[in-house]
Amino acid sequence: VGSVGSSGVALSLALTLALALAFLGRYFYDIEAQVTLCIDFVTVKLIQRSITDVTLSYN
């Protein structure tokens, strides 16, 4: 049971490391896409905020 548990932990650690490396790789090699994502995120947040403001002003 102990060996199965430790191998499971090792597997999850390996997966986490692989995901982190993939994320970092995309981050460093895909700066333009990251900037676009950030701009999209900010735009969505601003739209949500303006919708909330309009809703509050109507209420």
N, C-alpha and C. Protein backbone atom coordinates (compact mmCIF):
# COMPACT_ATOMS: atom_id res chain seq x y z
N VAL A 1 0.84 -1.20 0.00
CA VAL A 1 0.00 0.00 0.00
C VAL A 1 0.87 1.24 0.00
N GLY A 2 1.95 1.22 0.79
CA GLY A 2 2.83 2.37 0.88
C GLY A 2 3.49 2.68 -0.45
N SER A 3 3.91 1.62 -1.17
CA SER A 3 4.58 1.86 -2.44
C SER A 3 3.61 2.44 -3.46
N VAL A 4 2.37 1.97 -3.43
CA VAL A 4 1.37 2.50 -4.35
C VAL A 4 1.13 3.98 -4.06
N GLY A 5 1.05 4.32 -2.78
CA GLY A 5 0.83 5.71 -2.41
C GLY A 5 1.98 6.60 -2.85
N SER A 6 3.22 6.14 -2.65
CA SER A 6 4.36 6.97 -3.00
C SER A 6 4.46 7.12 -4.52
N SER A 7 4.13 6.06 -5.26
CA SER A 7 4.17 6.18 -6.71
C SER A 7 3.08 7.13 -7.20
N GLY A 8 1.93 7.12 -6.51
CA GLY A 8 0.87 8.06 -6.86
C GLY A 8 1.31 9.49 -6.62
N VAL A 9 2.00 9.71 -5.50
CA VAL A 9 2.51 11.05 -5.19
C VAL A 9 3.53 11.46 -6.24
N ALA A 10 4.43 10.54 -6.60
CA ALA A 10 5.45 10.85 -7.60
C ALA A 10 4.79 11.18 -8.93
N LEU A 11 3.74 10.43 -9.28
CA LEU A 11 3.05 10.66 -10.54
C LEU A 11 2.41 12.04 -10.54
N SER A 12 1.74 12.39 -9.43
CA SER A 12 1.08 13.69 -9.37
C SER A 12 2.12 14.81 -9.40
N LEU A 13 3.26 14.60 -8.75
CA LEU A 13 4.33 15.60 -8.79
C LEU A 13 4.85 15.76 -10.21
N ALA A 14 5.03 14.65 -10.92
CA ALA A 14 5.51 14.71 -12.29
C ALA A 14 4.52 15.44 -13.18
N LEU A 15 3.22 15.16 -12.99
CA LEU A 15 2.20 15.84 -13.78
C LEU A 15 2.19 17.33 -13.48
N THR A 16 2.30 17.68 -12.19
CA THR A 16 2.32 19.09 -11.81
C THR A 16 3.51 19.79 -12.42
N LEU A 17 4.67 19.14 -12.38
CA LEU A 17 5.88 19.71 -12.96
C LEU A 17 5.73 19.89 -14.46
N ALA A 18 5.16 18.89 -15.13
CA ALA A 18 4.96 18.97 -16.57
C ALA A 18 4.03 20.13 -16.92
N LEU A 19 2.94 20.26 -16.14
CA LEU A 19 2.01 21.36 -16.38
C LEU A 19 2.68 22.70 -16.15
N ALA A 20 3.47 22.80 -15.07
CA ALA A 20 4.16 24.06 -14.78
C ALA A 20 5.14 24.40 -15.90
N LEU A 21 5.88 23.40 -16.38
CA LEU A 21 6.83 23.65 -17.47
C LEU A 21 6.11 24.06 -18.74
N ALA A 22 4.99 23.40 -19.03
CA ALA A 22 4.22 23.75 -20.23
C ALA A 22 3.70 25.18 -20.11
N PHE A 23 3.22 25.53 -18.91
CA PHE A 23 2.70 26.88 -18.70
C PHE A 23 3.80 27.91 -18.85
N LEU A 24 4.97 27.64 -18.23
CA LEU A 24 6.09 28.58 -18.32
C LEU A 24 6.58 28.70 -19.75
N GLY A 25 6.63 27.56 -20.46
CA GLY A 25 7.05 27.59 -21.85
C GLY A 25 6.13 28.45 -22.69
N ARG A 26 4.84 28.27 -22.52
CA ARG A 26 3.88 29.08 -23.26
C ARG A 26 3.99 30.53 -22.85
N TYR A 27 4.26 30.77 -21.55
CA TYR A 27 4.36 32.14 -21.07
C TYR A 27 5.54 32.85 -21.73
N PHE A 28 6.69 32.18 -21.78
CA PHE A 28 7.88 32.84 -22.31
C PHE A 28 7.87 32.92 -23.83
N TYR A 29 7.30 31.94 -24.49
CA TYR A 29 7.34 31.92 -25.95
C TYR A 29 6.10 32.54 -26.57
N ASP A 30 5.11 32.86 -25.75
CA ASP A 30 3.84 33.32 -26.28
C ASP A 30 3.41 34.61 -25.59
N ILE A 31 4.37 35.53 -25.43
CA ILE A 31 4.09 36.78 -24.71
C ILE A 31 2.93 37.53 -25.36
N GLU A 32 2.92 37.55 -26.68
CA GLU A 32 1.86 38.30 -27.38
C GLU A 32 0.49 37.73 -27.05
N ALA A 33 0.39 36.40 -27.04
CA ALA A 33 -0.88 35.76 -26.71
C ALA A 33 -1.26 36.06 -25.26
N GLN A 34 -0.27 36.07 -24.37
CA GLN A 34 -0.55 36.38 -22.97
C GLN A 34 -1.08 37.80 -22.83
N VAL A 35 -0.46 38.74 -23.55
CA VAL A 35 -0.91 40.13 -23.49
C VAL A 35 -2.34 40.23 -24.01
N THR A 36 -2.62 39.51 -25.11
CA THR A 36 -3.97 39.53 -25.68
C THR A 36 -4.97 38.97 -24.67
N LEU A 37 -4.59 37.87 -24.00
CA LEU A 37 -5.47 37.30 -22.98
C LEU A 37 -5.73 38.29 -21.86
N CYS A 38 -4.69 38.99 -21.43
CA CYS A 38 -4.85 39.96 -20.35
C CYS A 38 -5.78 41.08 -20.78
N ILE A 39 -5.61 41.56 -22.02
CA ILE A 39 -6.46 42.63 -22.53
C ILE A 39 -7.91 42.15 -22.60
N ASP A 40 -8.11 40.93 -23.10
CA ASP A 40 -9.46 40.36 -23.16
C ASP A 40 -10.06 40.27 -21.77
N PHE A 41 -9.26 39.81 -20.80
CA PHE A 41 -9.74 39.65 -19.43
C PHE A 41 -10.16 41.00 -18.85
N VAL A 42 -9.31 42.01 -19.04
CA VAL A 42 -9.62 43.35 -18.52
C VAL A 42 -10.87 43.89 -19.19
N THR A 43 -10.99 43.68 -20.51
CA THR A 43 -12.16 44.16 -21.24
C THR A 43 -13.43 43.52 -20.69
N VAL A 44 -13.39 42.21 -20.47
CA VAL A 44 -14.56 41.51 -19.92
C VAL A 44 -14.90 42.05 -18.54
N LYS A 45 -13.87 42.28 -17.72
CA LYS A 45 -14.11 42.81 -16.37
C LYS A 45 -14.75 44.19 -16.45
N LEU A 46 -14.27 45.04 -17.36
CA LEU A 46 -14.84 46.38 -17.49
C LEU A 46 -16.29 46.31 -17.95
N ILE A 47 -16.57 45.41 -18.90
CA ILE A 47 -17.94 45.25 -19.39
C ILE A 47 -18.84 44.77 -18.25
N GLN A 48 -18.36 43.78 -17.48
CA GLN A 48 -19.15 43.28 -16.36
C GLN A 48 -19.41 44.40 -15.36
N ARG A 49 -18.39 45.23 -15.10
CA ARG A 49 -18.56 46.31 -14.13
C ARG A 49 -19.57 47.32 -14.62
N SER A 50 -19.51 47.67 -15.91
CA SER A 50 -20.46 48.64 -16.45
C SER A 50 -21.88 48.09 -16.43
N ILE A 51 -22.02 46.78 -16.73
CA ILE A 51 -23.35 46.16 -16.66
C ILE A 51 -23.86 46.21 -15.22
N THR A 52 -22.98 45.92 -14.26
CA THR A 52 -23.37 45.97 -12.85
C THR A 52 -23.78 47.39 -12.47
N ASP A 53 -23.02 48.40 -12.92
CA ASP A 53 -23.35 49.79 -12.61
C ASP A 53 -24.72 50.16 -13.17
N VAL A 54 -24.97 49.76 -14.42
CA VAL A 54 -26.26 50.07 -15.04
C VAL A 54 -27.39 49.39 -14.27
N THR A 55 -27.18 48.12 -13.91
CA THR A 55 -28.20 47.39 -13.16
C THR A 55 -28.47 48.07 -11.82
N LEU A 56 -27.42 48.50 -11.14
CA LEU A 56 -27.59 49.15 -9.84
C LEU A 56 -28.30 50.49 -10.00
N SER A 57 -27.99 51.23 -11.06
CA SER A 57 -28.62 52.54 -11.23
C SER A 57 -30.10 52.39 -11.57
N TYR A 58 -30.47 51.30 -12.26
CA TYR A 58 -31.88 51.06 -12.55
C TYR A 58 -32.63 50.66 -11.29
N ASN A 59 -31.97 49.92 -10.41
CA ASN A 59 -32.61 49.52 -9.15
C ASN A 59 -32.60 50.70 -8.19
